[in-house]
PDB file of N, CA and C in Angstrom:
ATOM      1  N   UNK A   1       3.978  33.615 -13.422  1.00  0.00           N
ATOM      2  CA  UNK A   1       4.716  32.514 -12.827  1.00  0.00           C
ATOM      3  C   UNK A   1       6.195  32.898 -12.813  1.00  0.00           C
ATOM      4  N   UNK A   2       6.856  32.656 -11.700  1.00  0.00           N
ATOM      5  CA  UNK A   2       8.260  33.037 -11.569  1.00  0.00           C
ATOM      6  C   UNK A   2       9.166  32.094 -12.361  1.00  0.00           C
ATOM      7  N   UNK A   3      10.352  32.566 -12.654  1.00  0.00           N
ATOM      8  CA  UNK A   3      11.345  31.749 -13.361  1.00  0.00           C
ATOM      9  C   UNK A   3      11.705  30.515 -12.535  1.00  0.00           C
ATOM     10  N   UNK A   4      11.794  30.662 -11.234  1.00  0.00           N
ATOM     11  CA  UNK A   4      12.108  29.522 -10.354  1.00  0.00           C
ATOM     12  C   UNK A   4      11.011  28.463 -10.474  1.00  0.00           C
ATOM     13  N   UNK A   5       9.761  28.890 -10.493  1.00  0.00           N
ATOM     14  CA  UNK A   5       8.650  27.946 -10.642  1.00  0.00           C
ATOM     15  C   UNK A   5       8.738  27.227 -11.983  1.00  0.00           C
ATOM     16  N   UNK A   6       9.026  27.974 -13.044  1.00  0.00           N
ATOM     17  CA  UNK A   6       9.152  27.348 -14.359  1.00  0.00           C
ATOM     18  C   UNK A   6      10.282  26.321 -14.380  1.00  0.00           C
ATOM     19  N   UNK A   7      11.404  26.652 -13.780  1.00  0.00           N
ATOM     20  CA  UNK A   7      12.531  25.717 -13.741  1.00  0.00           C
ATOM     21  C   UNK A   7      12.146  24.458 -12.974  1.00  0.00           C
ATOM     22  N   UNK A   8      11.491  24.622 -11.834  1.00  0.00           N
ATOM     23  CA  UNK A   8      11.074  23.458 -11.038  1.00  0.00           C
ATOM     24  C   UNK A   8      10.023  22.624 -11.771  1.00  0.00           C
ATOM     25  N   UNK A   9       9.148  23.271 -12.528  1.00  0.00           N
ATOM     26  CA  UNK A   9       8.172  22.529 -13.325  1.00  0.00           C
ATOM     27  C   UNK A   9       8.866  21.744 -14.440  1.00  0.00           C
ATOM     28  N   UNK A  10       9.861  22.341 -15.078  1.00  0.00           N
ATOM     29  CA  UNK A  10      10.599  21.641 -16.130  1.00  0.00           C
ATOM     30  C   UNK A  10      11.362  20.456 -15.547  1.00  0.00           C
ATOM     31  N   UNK A  11      11.991  20.647 -14.391  1.00  0.00           N
ATOM     32  CA  UNK A  11      12.705  19.538 -13.749  1.00  0.00           C
ATOM     33  C   UNK A  11      11.730  18.424 -13.339  1.00  0.00           C
ATOM     34  N   UNK A  12      10.565  18.809 -12.844  1.00  0.00           N
ATOM     35  CA  UNK A  12       9.547  17.817 -12.486  1.00  0.00           C
ATOM     36  C   UNK A  12       9.066  17.080 -13.737  1.00  0.00           C
ATOM     37  N   UNK A  13       8.868  17.809 -14.818  1.00  0.00           N
ATOM     38  CA  UNK A  13       8.468  17.175 -16.085  1.00  0.00           C
ATOM     39  C   UNK A  13       9.540  16.196 -16.543  1.00  0.00           C
ATOM     40  N   UNK A  14      10.807  16.597 -16.435  1.00  0.00           N
ATOM     41  CA  UNK A  14      11.905  15.704 -16.830  1.00  0.00           C
ATOM     42  C   UNK A  14      11.891  14.421 -15.999  1.00  0.00           C
ATOM     43  N   UNK A  15      11.604  14.543 -14.719  1.00  0.00           N
ATOM     44  CA  UNK A  15      11.490  13.361 -13.850  1.00  0.00           C
ATOM     45  C   UNK A  15      10.403  12.424 -14.372  1.00  0.00           C
ATOM     46  N   UNK A  16       9.256  12.974 -14.733  1.00  0.00           N
ATOM     47  CA  UNK A  16       8.159  12.134 -15.202  1.00  0.00           C
ATOM     48  C   UNK A  16       8.411  11.579 -16.600  1.00  0.00           C
ATOM     49  N   UNK A  17       9.174  12.301 -17.421  1.00  0.00           N
ATOM     50  CA  UNK A  17       9.580  11.733 -18.713  1.00  0.00           C
ATOM     51  C   UNK A  17      10.568  10.583 -18.505  1.00  0.00           C
ATOM     52  N   UNK A  18      11.422  10.693 -17.488  1.00  0.00           N
ATOM     53  CA  UNK A  18      12.347   9.595 -17.165  1.00  0.00           C
ATOM     54  C   UNK A  18      11.567   8.373 -16.688  1.00  0.00           C
ATOM     55  N   UNK A  19      10.569   8.594 -15.828  1.00  0.00           N
ATOM     56  CA  UNK A  19       9.728   7.482 -15.377  1.00  0.00           C
ATOM     57  C   UNK A  19       8.992   6.872 -16.574  1.00  0.00           C
ATOM     58  N   UNK A  20       8.479   7.728 -17.472  1.00  0.00           N
ATOM     59  CA  UNK A  20       7.847   7.250 -18.701  1.00  0.00           C
ATOM     60  C   UNK A  20       8.806   6.351 -19.469  1.00  0.00           C
ATOM     61  N   UNK A  21      10.036   6.815 -19.644  1.00  0.00           N
ATOM     62  CA  UNK A  21      11.045   6.038 -20.367  1.00  0.00           C
ATOM     63  C   UNK A  21      11.254   4.668 -19.712  1.00  0.00           C
ATOM     64  N   UNK A  22      11.452   4.668 -18.394  1.00  0.00           N
ATOM     65  CA  UNK A  22      11.695   3.402 -17.696  1.00  0.00           C
ATOM     66  C   UNK A  22      10.511   2.447 -17.824  1.00  0.00           C
ATOM     67  N   UNK A  23       9.306   2.975 -17.655  1.00  0.00           N
ATOM     68  CA  UNK A  23       8.125   2.112 -17.624  1.00  0.00           C
ATOM     69  C   UNK A  23       7.626   1.703 -19.008  1.00  0.00           C
ATOM     70  N   UNK A  24       7.900   2.528 -20.019  1.00  0.00           N
ATOM     71  CA  UNK A  24       7.322   2.275 -21.331  1.00  0.00           C
ATOM     72  C   UNK A  24       8.337   1.782 -22.357  1.00  0.00           C
ATOM     73  N   UNK A  25       9.515   2.345 -22.365  1.00  0.00           N
ATOM     74  CA  UNK A  25      10.499   2.009 -23.396  1.00  0.00           C
ATOM     75  C   UNK A  25      11.601   1.080 -22.902  1.00  0.00           C
ATOM     76  N   UNK A  26      11.928   1.154 -21.629  1.00  0.00           N
ATOM     77  CA  UNK A  26      13.015   0.330 -21.072  1.00  0.00           C
ATOM     78  C   UNK A  26      12.476  -0.559 -19.955  1.00  0.00           C
ATOM     79  N   UNK A  27      11.322  -1.130 -20.186  1.00  0.00           N
ATOM     80  CA  UNK A  27      10.585  -1.840 -19.146  1.00  0.00           C
ATOM     81  C   UNK A  27      11.393  -2.947 -18.478  1.00  0.00           C
ATOM     82  N   UNK A  28      12.227  -3.645 -19.222  1.00  0.00           N
ATOM     83  CA  UNK A  28      12.960  -4.788 -18.657  1.00  0.00           C
ATOM     84  C   UNK A  28      14.445  -4.495 -18.464  1.00  0.00           C
ATOM     85  N   UNK A  29      14.827  -3.237 -18.456  1.00  0.00           N
ATOM     86  CA  UNK A  29      16.243  -2.878 -18.341  1.00  0.00           C
ATOM     87  C   UNK A  29      16.765  -3.017 -16.912  1.00  0.00           C
ATOM     88  N   UNK A  30      18.071  -3.047 -16.800  1.00  0.00           N
ATOM     89  CA  UNK A  30      18.715  -3.077 -15.493  1.00  0.00           C
ATOM     90  C   UNK A  30      18.350  -1.831 -14.679  1.00  0.00           C
ATOM     91  N   UNK A  31      18.315  -0.677 -15.340  1.00  0.00           N
ATOM     92  CA  UNK A  31      17.997   0.574 -14.646  1.00  0.00           C
ATOM     93  C   UNK A  31      16.565   0.552 -14.103  1.00  0.00           C
ATOM     94  N   UNK A  32      15.631   0.008 -14.882  1.00  0.00           N
ATOM     95  CA  UNK A  32      14.253  -0.098 -14.410  1.00  0.00           C
ATOM     96  C   UNK A  32      14.179  -1.044 -13.219  1.00  0.00           C
ATOM     97  N   UNK A  33      14.884  -2.162 -13.311  1.00  0.00           N
ATOM     98  CA  UNK A  33      14.933  -3.132 -12.214  1.00  0.00           C
ATOM     99  C   UNK A  33      15.467  -2.480 -10.943  1.00  0.00           C
ATOM    100  N   UNK A  34      16.558  -1.741 -11.094  1.00  0.00           N
ATOM    101  CA  UNK A  34      17.180  -1.068  -9.953  1.00  0.00           C
ATOM    102  C   UNK A  34      16.272   0.035  -9.398  1.00  0.00           C
ATOM    103  N   UNK A  35      15.706   0.841 -10.261  1.00  0.00           N
ATOM    104  CA  UNK A  35      14.881   1.970  -9.836  1.00  0.00           C
ATOM    105  C   UNK A  35      13.641   1.526  -9.067  1.00  0.00           C
ATOM    106  N   UNK A  36      12.995   0.469  -9.546  1.00  0.00           N
ATOM    107  CA  UNK A  36      11.748   0.030  -8.933  1.00  0.00           C
ATOM    108  C   UNK A  36      11.935  -1.125  -7.958  1.00  0.00           C
ATOM    109  N   UNK A  37      13.182  -1.576  -7.786  1.00  0.00           N
ATOM    110  CA  UNK A  37      13.457  -2.649  -6.832  1.00  0.00           C
ATOM    111  C   UNK A  37      12.764  -3.954  -7.195  1.00  0.00           C
ATOM    112  N   UNK A  38      12.759  -4.260  -8.490  1.00  0.00           N
ATOM    113  CA  UNK A  38      12.109  -5.472  -8.972  1.00  0.00           C
ATOM    114  C   UNK A  38      13.128  -6.301  -9.754  1.00  0.00           C
ATOM    115  N   UNK A  39      12.923  -7.597  -9.759  1.00  0.00           N
ATOM    116  CA  UNK A  39      13.823  -8.445 -10.536  1.00  0.00           C
ATOM    117  C   UNK A  39      13.494  -8.307 -12.018  1.00  0.00           C
ATOM    118  N   UNK A  40      14.487  -8.581 -12.846  1.00  0.00           N
ATOM    119  CA  UNK A  40      14.255  -8.546 -14.288  1.00  0.00           C
ATOM    120  C   UNK A  40      13.230  -9.602 -14.686  1.00  0.00           C
ATOM    121  N   UNK A  41      13.239 -10.732 -13.982  1.00  0.00           N
ATOM    122  CA  UNK A  41      12.257 -11.788 -14.286  1.00  0.00           C
ATOM    123  C   UNK A  41      10.838 -11.276 -14.043  1.00  0.00           C
ATOM    124  N   UNK A  42      10.648 -10.539 -12.951  1.00  0.00           N
ATOM    125  CA  UNK A  42       9.329  -9.958 -12.688  1.00  0.00           C
ATOM    126  C   UNK A  42       8.942  -8.967 -13.785  1.00  0.00           C
ATOM    127  N   UNK A  43       9.901  -8.136 -14.185  1.00  0.00           N
ATOM    128  CA  UNK A  43       9.624  -7.127 -15.205  1.00  0.00           C
ATOM    129  C   UNK A  43       9.313  -7.749 -16.567  1.00  0.00           C
ATOM    130  N   UNK A  44       9.812  -8.943 -16.804  1.00  0.00           N
ATOM    131  CA  UNK A  44       9.570  -9.627 -18.077  1.00  0.00           C
ATOM    132  C   UNK A  44       8.218 -10.336 -18.110  1.00  0.00           C
ATOM    133  N   UNK A  45       7.531 -10.415 -16.977  1.00  0.00           N
ATOM    134  CA  UNK A  45       6.195 -11.001 -16.941  1.00  0.00           C
ATOM    135  C   UNK A  45       5.280 -10.200 -17.862  1.00  0.00           C
ATOM    136  N   UNK A  46       4.588 -10.882 -18.755  1.00  0.00           N
ATOM    137  CA  UNK A  46       3.749 -10.191 -19.742  1.00  0.00           C
ATOM    138  C   UNK A  46       2.719  -9.284 -19.084  1.00  0.00           C
ATOM    139  N   UNK A  47       2.021  -9.782 -18.067  1.00  0.00           N
ATOM    140  CA  UNK A  47       0.972  -8.971 -17.444  1.00  0.00           C
ATOM    141  C   UNK A  47       1.557  -7.741 -16.746  1.00  0.00           C
ATOM    142  N   UNK A  48       2.665  -7.907 -16.033  1.00  0.00           N
ATOM    143  CA  UNK A  48       3.291  -6.767 -15.377  1.00  0.00           C
ATOM    144  C   UNK A  48       3.851  -5.786 -16.409  1.00  0.00           C
ATOM    145  N   UNK A  49       4.418  -6.314 -17.474  1.00  0.00           N
ATOM    146  CA  UNK A  49       4.990  -5.479 -18.526  1.00  0.00           C
ATOM    147  C   UNK A  49       3.916  -4.575 -19.133  1.00  0.00           C
ATOM    148  N   UNK A  50       2.745  -5.130 -19.390  1.00  0.00           N
ATOM    149  CA  UNK A  50       1.646  -4.334 -19.947  1.00  0.00           C
ATOM    150  C   UNK A  50       1.206  -3.266 -18.952  1.00  0.00           C
ATOM    151  N   UNK A  51       1.098  -3.620 -17.686  1.00  0.00           N
ATOM    152  CA  UNK A  51       0.708  -2.644 -16.668  1.00  0.00           C
ATOM    153  C   UNK A  51       1.737  -1.524 -16.535  1.00  0.00           C
ATOM    154  N   UNK A  52       3.013  -1.892 -16.576  1.00  0.00           N
ATOM    155  CA  UNK A  52       4.076  -0.873 -16.480  1.00  0.00           C
ATOM    156  C   UNK A  52       3.999   0.096 -17.660  1.00  0.00           C
ATOM    157  N   UNK A  53       3.820  -0.434 -18.842  1.00  0.00           N
ATOM    158  CA  UNK A  53       3.743   0.424 -20.029  1.00  0.00           C
ATOM    159  C   UNK A  53       2.537   1.363 -19.938  1.00  0.00           C
ATOM    160  N   UNK A  54       1.420   0.851 -19.477  1.00  0.00           N
ATOM    161  CA  UNK A  54       0.231   1.673 -19.313  1.00  0.00           C
ATOM    162  C   UNK A  54       0.494   2.798 -18.310  1.00  0.00           C
ATOM    163  N   UNK A  55       1.087   2.469 -17.191  1.00  0.00           N
ATOM    164  CA  UNK A  55       1.412   3.474 -16.178  1.00  0.00           C
ATOM    165  C   UNK A  55       2.412   4.488 -16.723  1.00  0.00           C
ATOM    166  N   UNK A  56       3.343   4.015 -17.529  1.00  0.00           N
ATOM    167  CA  UNK A  56       4.326   4.907 -18.130  1.00  0.00           C
ATOM    168  C   UNK A  56       3.692   5.970 -19.003  1.00  0.00           C
ATOM    169  N   UNK A  57       2.662   5.590 -19.754  1.00  0.00           N
ATOM    170  CA  UNK A  57       1.970   6.562 -20.605  1.00  0.00           C
ATOM    171  C   UNK A  57       1.359   7.666 -19.737  1.00  0.00           C
ATOM    172  N   UNK A  58       0.755   7.299 -18.623  1.00  0.00           N
ATOM    173  CA  UNK A  58       0.216   8.304 -17.701  1.00  0.00           C
ATOM    174  C   UNK A  58       1.307   9.257 -17.228  1.00  0.00           C
ATOM    175  N   UNK A  59       2.456   8.706 -16.880  1.00  0.00           N
ATOM    176  CA  UNK A  59       3.551   9.556 -16.406  1.00  0.00           C
ATOM    177  C   UNK A  59       4.060  10.486 -17.505  1.00  0.00           C
ATOM    178  N   UNK A  60       4.067  10.006 -18.741  1.00  0.00           N
ATOM    179  CA  UNK A  60       4.452  10.871 -19.856  1.00  0.00           C
ATOM    180  C   UNK A  60       3.492  12.040 -20.011  1.00  0.00           C
ATOM    181  N   UNK A  61       2.201  11.771 -19.867  1.00  0.00           N
ATOM    182  CA  UNK A  61       1.215  12.847 -19.971  1.00  0.00           C
ATOM    183  C   UNK A  61       1.311  13.828 -18.804  1.00  0.00           C
ATOM    184  N   UNK A  62       1.706  13.353 -17.643  1.00  0.00           N
ATOM    185  CA  UNK A  62       1.937  14.275 -16.522  1.00  0.00           C
ATOM    186  C   UNK A  62       3.070  15.231 -16.884  1.00  0.00           C
ATOM    187  N   UNK A  63       4.145  14.690 -17.449  1.00  0.00           N
ATOM    188  CA  UNK A  63       5.257  15.533 -17.891  1.00  0.00           C
ATOM    189  C   UNK A  63       4.804  16.572 -18.906  1.00  0.00           C
ATOM    190  N   UNK A  64       4.004  16.145 -19.878  1.00  0.00           N
ATOM    191  CA  UNK A  64       3.496  17.088 -20.882  1.00  0.00           C
ATOM    192  C   UNK A  64       2.612  18.156 -20.236  1.00  0.00           C
ATOM    193  N   UNK A  65       1.788  17.752 -19.285  1.00  0.00           N
ATOM    194  CA  UNK A  65       0.918  18.707 -18.599  1.00  0.00           C
ATOM    195  C   UNK A  65       1.714  19.761 -17.842  1.00  0.00           C
ATOM    196  N   UNK A  66       2.806  19.340 -17.215  1.00  0.00           N
ATOM    197  CA  UNK A  66       3.646  20.294 -16.487  1.00  0.00           C
ATOM    198  C   UNK A  66       4.303  21.290 -17.444  1.00  0.00           C
ATOM    199  N   UNK A  67       4.757  20.800 -18.599  1.00  0.00           N
ATOM    200  CA  UNK A  67       5.354  21.711 -19.592  1.00  0.00           C
ATOM    201  C   UNK A  67       4.301  22.659 -20.167  1.00  0.00           C
ATOM    202  N   UNK A  68       3.111  22.141 -20.397  1.00  0.00           N
ATOM    203  CA  UNK A  68       2.016  22.985 -20.878  1.00  0.00           C
ATOM    204  C   UNK A  68       1.731  24.101 -19.870  1.00  0.00           C
ATOM    205  N   UNK A  69       1.674  23.731 -18.598  1.00  0.00           N
ATOM    206  CA  UNK A  69       1.413  24.727 -17.557  1.00  0.00           C
ATOM    207  C   UNK A  69       2.529  25.773 -17.501  1.00  0.00           C
ATOM    208  N   UNK A  70       3.764  25.325 -17.651  1.00  0.00           N
ATOM    209  CA  UNK A  70       4.911  26.228 -17.504  1.00  0.00           C
ATOM    210  C   UNK A  70       5.047  27.210 -18.667  1.00  0.00           C
ATOM    211  N   UNK A  71       4.652  26.792 -19.887  1.00  0.00           N
ATOM    212  CA  UNK A  71       4.979  27.618 -21.049  1.00  0.00           C
ATOM    213  C   UNK A  71       3.814  28.014 -21.954  1.00  0.00           C
ATOM    214  N   UNK A  72       2.719  27.301 -21.930  1.00  0.00           N
ATOM    215  CA  UNK A  72       1.701  27.534 -22.946  1.00  0.00           C
ATOM    216  C   UNK A  72       0.335  27.952 -22.407  1.00  0.00           C
ATOM    217  N   UNK A  73      -0.006  27.545 -21.224  1.00  0.00           N
ATOM    218  CA  UNK A  73      -1.335  27.826 -20.694  1.00  0.00           C
ATOM    219  C   UNK A  73      -1.475  29.297 -20.308  1.00  0.00           C
ATOM    220  N   UNK A  74      -2.644  29.864 -20.614  1.00  0.00           N
ATOM    221  CA  UNK A  74      -2.910  31.237 -20.173  1.00  0.00           C
ATOM    222  C   UNK A  74      -3.201  31.271 -18.671  1.00  0.00           C
ATOM    223  N   UNK A  75      -3.432  30.104 -18.088  1.00  0.00           N
ATOM    224  CA  UNK A  75      -3.679  29.982 -16.655  1.00  0.00           C
ATOM    225  C   UNK A  75      -2.704  28.948 -16.076  1.00  0.00           C
ATOM    226  N   UNK A  76      -1.426  29.134 -16.384  1.00  0.00           N
ATOM    227  CA  UNK A  76      -0.404  28.146 -16.060  1.00  0.00           C
ATOM    228  C   UNK A  76      -0.296  27.785 -14.595  1.00  0.00           C
ATOM    229  N   UNK A  77      -0.440  28.763 -13.736  1.00  0.00           N
ATOM    230  CA  UNK A  77      -0.322  28.488 -12.305  1.00  0.00           C
ATOM    231  C   UNK A  77      -1.413  27.529 -11.848  1.00  0.00           C
ATOM    232  N   UNK A  78      -2.629  27.778 -12.284  1.00  0.00           N
ATOM    233  CA  UNK A  78      -3.746  26.914 -11.892  1.00  0.00           C
ATOM    234  C   UNK A  78      -3.576  25.495 -12.446  1.00  0.00           C
ATOM    235  N   UNK A  79      -3.188  25.390 -13.702  1.00  0.00           N
ATOM    236  CA  UNK A  79      -2.971  24.076 -14.320  1.00  0.00           C
ATOM    237  C   UNK A  79      -1.856  23.340 -13.588  1.00  0.00           C
ATOM    238  N   UNK A  80      -0.769  24.045 -13.307  1.00  0.00           N
ATOM    239  CA  UNK A  80       0.356  23.422 -12.595  1.00  0.00           C
ATOM    240  C   UNK A  80      -0.070  22.940 -11.211  1.00  0.00           C
ATOM    241  N   UNK A  81      -0.853  23.734 -10.511  1.00  0.00           N
ATOM    242  CA  UNK A  81      -1.304  23.338  -9.174  1.00  0.00           C
ATOM    243  C   UNK A  81      -2.102  22.035  -9.221  1.00  0.00           C
ATOM    244  N   UNK A  82      -2.974  21.891 -10.218  1.00  0.00           N
ATOM    245  CA  UNK A  82      -3.761  20.658 -10.349  1.00  0.00           C
ATOM    246  C   UNK A  82      -2.835  19.463 -10.550  1.00  0.00           C
ATOM    247  N   UNK A  83      -1.880  19.587 -11.469  1.00  0.00           N
ATOM    248  CA  UNK A  83      -0.952  18.482 -11.725  1.00  0.00           C
ATOM    249  C   UNK A  83      -0.085  18.186 -10.504  1.00  0.00           C
ATOM    250  N   UNK A  84       0.421  19.217  -9.854  1.00  0.00           N
ATOM    251  CA  UNK A  84       1.322  19.011  -8.719  1.00  0.00           C
ATOM    252  C   UNK A  84       0.615  18.374  -7.535  1.00  0.00           C
ATOM    253  N   UNK A  85      -0.602  18.800  -7.254  1.00  0.00           N
ATOM    254  CA  UNK A  85      -1.356  18.179  -6.155  1.00  0.00           C
ATOM    255  C   UNK A  85      -1.624  16.718  -6.482  1.00  0.00           C
ATOM    256  N   UNK A  86      -1.973  16.431  -7.730  1.00  0.00           N
ATOM    257  CA  UNK A  86      -2.189  15.057  -8.175  1.00  0.00           C
ATOM    258  C   UNK A  86      -0.924  14.228  -7.942  1.00  0.00           C
ATOM    259  N   UNK A  87       0.211  14.752  -8.347  1.00  0.00           N
ATOM    260  CA  UNK A  87       1.488  14.046  -8.183  1.00  0.00           C
ATOM    261  C   UNK A  87       1.755  13.759  -6.711  1.00  0.00           C
ATOM    262  N   UNK A  88       1.542  14.750  -5.858  1.00  0.00           N
ATOM    263  CA  UNK A  88       1.840  14.572  -4.442  1.00  0.00           C
ATOM    264  C   UNK A  88       0.916  13.549  -3.786  1.00  0.00           C
ATOM    265  N   UNK A  89      -0.343  13.537  -4.180  1.00  0.00           N
ATOM    266  CA  UNK A  89      -1.272  12.535  -3.636  1.00  0.00           C
ATOM    267  C   UNK A  89      -0.829  11.139  -4.057  1.00  0.00           C
ATOM    268  N   UNK A  90      -0.472  10.981  -5.322  1.00  0.00           N
ATOM    269  CA  UNK A  90      -0.027   9.676  -5.818  1.00  0.00           C
ATOM    270  C   UNK A  90       1.291   9.264  -5.157  1.00  0.00           C
ATOM    271  N   UNK A  91       2.201  10.208  -4.957  1.00  0.00           N
ATOM    272  CA  UNK A  91       3.473   9.895  -4.292  1.00  0.00           C
ATOM    273  C   UNK A  91       3.237   9.451  -2.852  1.00  0.00           C
ATOM    274  N   UNK A  92       2.345  10.135  -2.161  1.00  0.00           N
ATOM    275  CA  UNK A  92       2.013   9.735  -0.790  1.00  0.00           C
ATOM    276  C   UNK A  92       1.376   8.346  -0.756  1.00  0.00           C
ATOM    277  N   UNK A  93       0.457   8.102  -1.665  1.00  0.00           N
ATOM    278  CA  UNK A  93      -0.191   6.791  -1.729  1.00  0.00           C
ATOM    279  C   UNK A  93       0.849   5.700  -2.016  1.00  0.00           C
ATOM    280  N   UNK A  94       1.712   5.947  -2.995  1.00  0.00           N
ATOM    281  CA  UNK A  94       2.761   4.972  -3.316  1.00  0.00           C
ATOM    282  C   UNK A  94       3.705   4.750  -2.155  1.00  0.00           C
ATOM    283  N   UNK A  95       4.021   5.814  -1.454  1.00  0.00           N
ATOM    284  CA  UNK A  95       4.906   5.697  -0.298  1.00  0.00           C
ATOM    285  C   UNK A  95       4.285   4.913   0.840  1.00  0.00           C
ATOM    286  N   UNK A  96       3.002   5.083   1.024  1.00  0.00           N
ATOM    287  CA  UNK A  96       2.320   4.386   2.111  1.00  0.00           C
ATOM    288  C   UNK A  96       1.992   2.934   1.780  1.00  0.00           C
ATOM    289  N   UNK A  97       1.799   2.637   0.503  1.00  0.00           N
ATOM    290  CA  UNK A  97       1.374   1.290   0.128  1.00  0.00           C
ATOM    291  C   UNK A  97       2.466   0.432  -0.489  1.00  0.00           C
ATOM    292  N   UNK A  98       3.549   1.053  -0.950  1.00  0.00           N
ATOM    293  CA  UNK A  98       4.555   0.283  -1.669  1.00  0.00           C
ATOM    294  C   UNK A  98       5.949   0.467  -1.076  1.00  0.00           C
ATOM    295  N   UNK A  99       6.491   1.663  -1.226  1.00  0.00           N
ATOM    296  CA  UNK A  99       7.868   1.924  -0.829  1.00  0.00           C
ATOM    297  C   UNK A  99       7.970   3.374  -0.375  1.00  0.00           C
ATOM    298  N   UNK A 100       8.362   3.581   0.861  1.00  0.00           N
ATOM    299  CA  UNK A 100       8.405   4.936   1.425  1.00  0.00           C
ATOM    300  C   UNK A 100       9.268   5.904   0.610  1.00  0.00           C
ATOM    301  N   UNK A 101      10.296   5.392  -0.066  1.00  0.00           N
ATOM    302  CA  UNK A 101      11.192   6.265  -0.822  1.00  0.00           C
ATOM    303  C   UNK A 101      10.486   6.946  -1.994  1.00  0.00           C
ATOM    304  N   UNK A 102       9.340   6.406  -2.416  1.00  0.00           N
ATOM    305  CA  UNK A 102       8.585   7.008  -3.520  1.00  0.00           C
ATOM    306  C   UNK A 102       8.171   8.435  -3.163  1.00  0.00           C
ATOM    307  N   UNK A 103       7.870   8.663  -1.897  1.00  0.00           N
ATOM    308  CA  UNK A 103       7.412   9.996  -1.485  1.00  0.00           C
ATOM    309  C   UNK A 103       8.435  11.055  -1.877  1.00  0.00           C
ATOM    310  N   UNK A 104       9.689  10.811  -1.586  1.00  0.00           N
ATOM    311  CA  UNK A 104      10.729  11.782  -1.917  1.00  0.00           C
ATOM    312  C   UNK A 104      11.148  11.697  -3.381  1.00  0.00           C
ATOM    313  N   UNK A 105      11.300  10.490  -3.897  1.00  0.00           N
ATOM    314  CA  UNK A 105      11.756  10.331  -5.286  1.00  0.00           C
ATOM    315  C   UNK A 105      10.762  10.914  -6.281  1.00  0.00           C
ATOM    316  N   UNK A 106       9.497  10.627  -6.100  1.00  0.00           N
ATOM    317  CA  UNK A 106       8.482  11.071  -7.045  1.00  0.00           C
ATOM    318  C   UNK A 106       7.874  12.407  -6.628  1.00  0.00           C
ATOM    319  N   UNK A 107       7.880  12.702  -5.340  1.00  0.00           N
ATOM    320  CA  UNK A 107       7.203  13.902  -4.871  1.00  0.00           C
ATOM    321  C   UNK A 107       8.096  15.062  -4.486  1.00  0.00           C
ATOM    322  N   UNK A 108       9.401  14.846  -4.392  1.00  0.00           N
ATOM    323  CA  UNK A 108      10.305  15.899  -3.918  1.00  0.00           C
ATOM    324  C   UNK A 108      10.321  17.137  -4.795  1.00  0.00           C
ATOM    325  N   UNK A 109      10.670  16.975  -6.068  1.00  0.00           N
ATOM    326  CA  UNK A 109      10.700  18.123  -6.976  1.00  0.00           C
ATOM    327  C   UNK A 109       9.326  18.763  -7.149  1.00  0.00           C
ATOM    328  N   UNK A 110       8.278  17.961  -7.357  1.00  0.00           N
ATOM    329  CA  UNK A 110       6.953  18.583  -7.459  1.00  0.00           C
ATOM    330  C   UNK A 110       6.543  19.347  -6.200  1.00  0.00           C
ATOM    331  N   UNK A 111       6.954  18.873  -5.035  1.00  0.00           N
ATOM    332  CA  UNK A 111       6.648  19.597  -3.797  1.00  0.00           C
ATOM    333  C   UNK A 111       7.336  20.962  -3.794  1.00  0.00           C
ATOM    334  N   UNK A 112       8.599  20.995  -4.207  1.00  0.00           N
ATOM    335  CA  UNK A 112       9.306  22.278  -4.298  1.00  0.00           C
ATOM    336  C   UNK A 112       8.642  23.200  -5.322  1.00  0.00           C
ATOM    337  N   UNK A 113       8.207  22.626  -6.441  1.00  0.00           N
ATOM    338  CA  UNK A 113       7.511  23.423  -7.453  1.00  0.00           C
ATOM    339  C   UNK A 113       6.214  23.989  -6.887  1.00  0.00           C
ATOM    340  N   UNK A 114       5.496  23.180  -6.137  1.00  0.00           N
ATOM    341  CA  UNK A 114       4.249  23.633  -5.520  1.00  0.00           C
ATOM    342  C   UNK A 114       4.514  24.786  -4.553  1.00  0.00           C
ATOM    343  N   UNK A 115       5.529  24.630  -3.720  1.00  0.00           N
ATOM    344  CA  UNK A 115       5.875  25.701  -2.786  1.00  0.00           C
ATOM    345  C   UNK A 115       6.235  26.987  -3.529  1.00  0.00           C
ATOM    346  N   UNK A 116       6.983  26.852  -4.620  1.00  0.00           N
ATOM    347  CA  UNK A 116       7.373  28.046  -5.383  1.00  0.00           C
ATOM    348  C   UNK A 116       6.154  28.736  -5.984  1.00  0.00           C
ATOM    349  N   UNK A 117       5.186  27.940  -6.447  1.00  0.00           N
ATOM    350  CA  UNK A 117       3.976  28.548  -7.016  1.00  0.00           C
ATOM    351  C   UNK A 117       3.156  29.275  -5.956  1.00  0.00           C
ATOM    352  N   UNK A 118       3.160  28.742  -4.755  1.00  0.00           N
ATOM    353  CA  UNK A 118       2.365  29.338  -3.673  1.00  0.00           C
ATOM    354  C   UNK A 118       3.043  30.596  -3.114  1.00  0.00           C
ATOM    355  N   UNK A 119       4.374  30.527  -2.950  1.00  0.00           N
ATOM    356  CA  UNK A 119       5.058  31.604  -2.228  1.00  0.00           C
ATOM    357  C   UNK A 119       5.862  32.569  -3.090  1.00  0.00           C
ATOM    358  N   UNK A 120       6.088  32.258  -4.358  1.00  0.00           N
ATOM    359  CA  UNK A 120       6.874  33.180  -5.204  1.00  0.00           C
ATOM    360  C   UNK A 120       6.015  33.853  -6.264  1.00  0.00           C
TER     361      UNK A 120
END
C-alpha cells in the first residue's frame, strides 16, 4: 500500500472518528446541530439521541477498520477496499435520501482513498 493511500485512509478514519464524536459524545452540541442541520431540540429527543449514539458507534468502528487496514492487516488493501466501498454506498444512499451534501462530506476522502488504492 502506498504512503498516499495510508495518509488518505488515516484522514478518512479521522473523519469517521469526528462523526463518532458528534453522534456519540457531543450528541446535543451546537456543532452537531450545525453539522447535521438539526435543531438542538430535535437532538435532545430521547429516541433520536439513542439512534444517533448507536450510529456513532458504527462510525467509530469504521474509523478503526480503516486504521487496521492501513497499518496492521496483512491484507490491508483488500480490507480497506471493503470499508471504502461500504462508506461510498452509505454516502450515496444518505445523499439521495437525506441531504445531497453527505455524498461529498462523508464520501469525498474515502473516494480519494479508493482511487489511490486502485491506481497507486
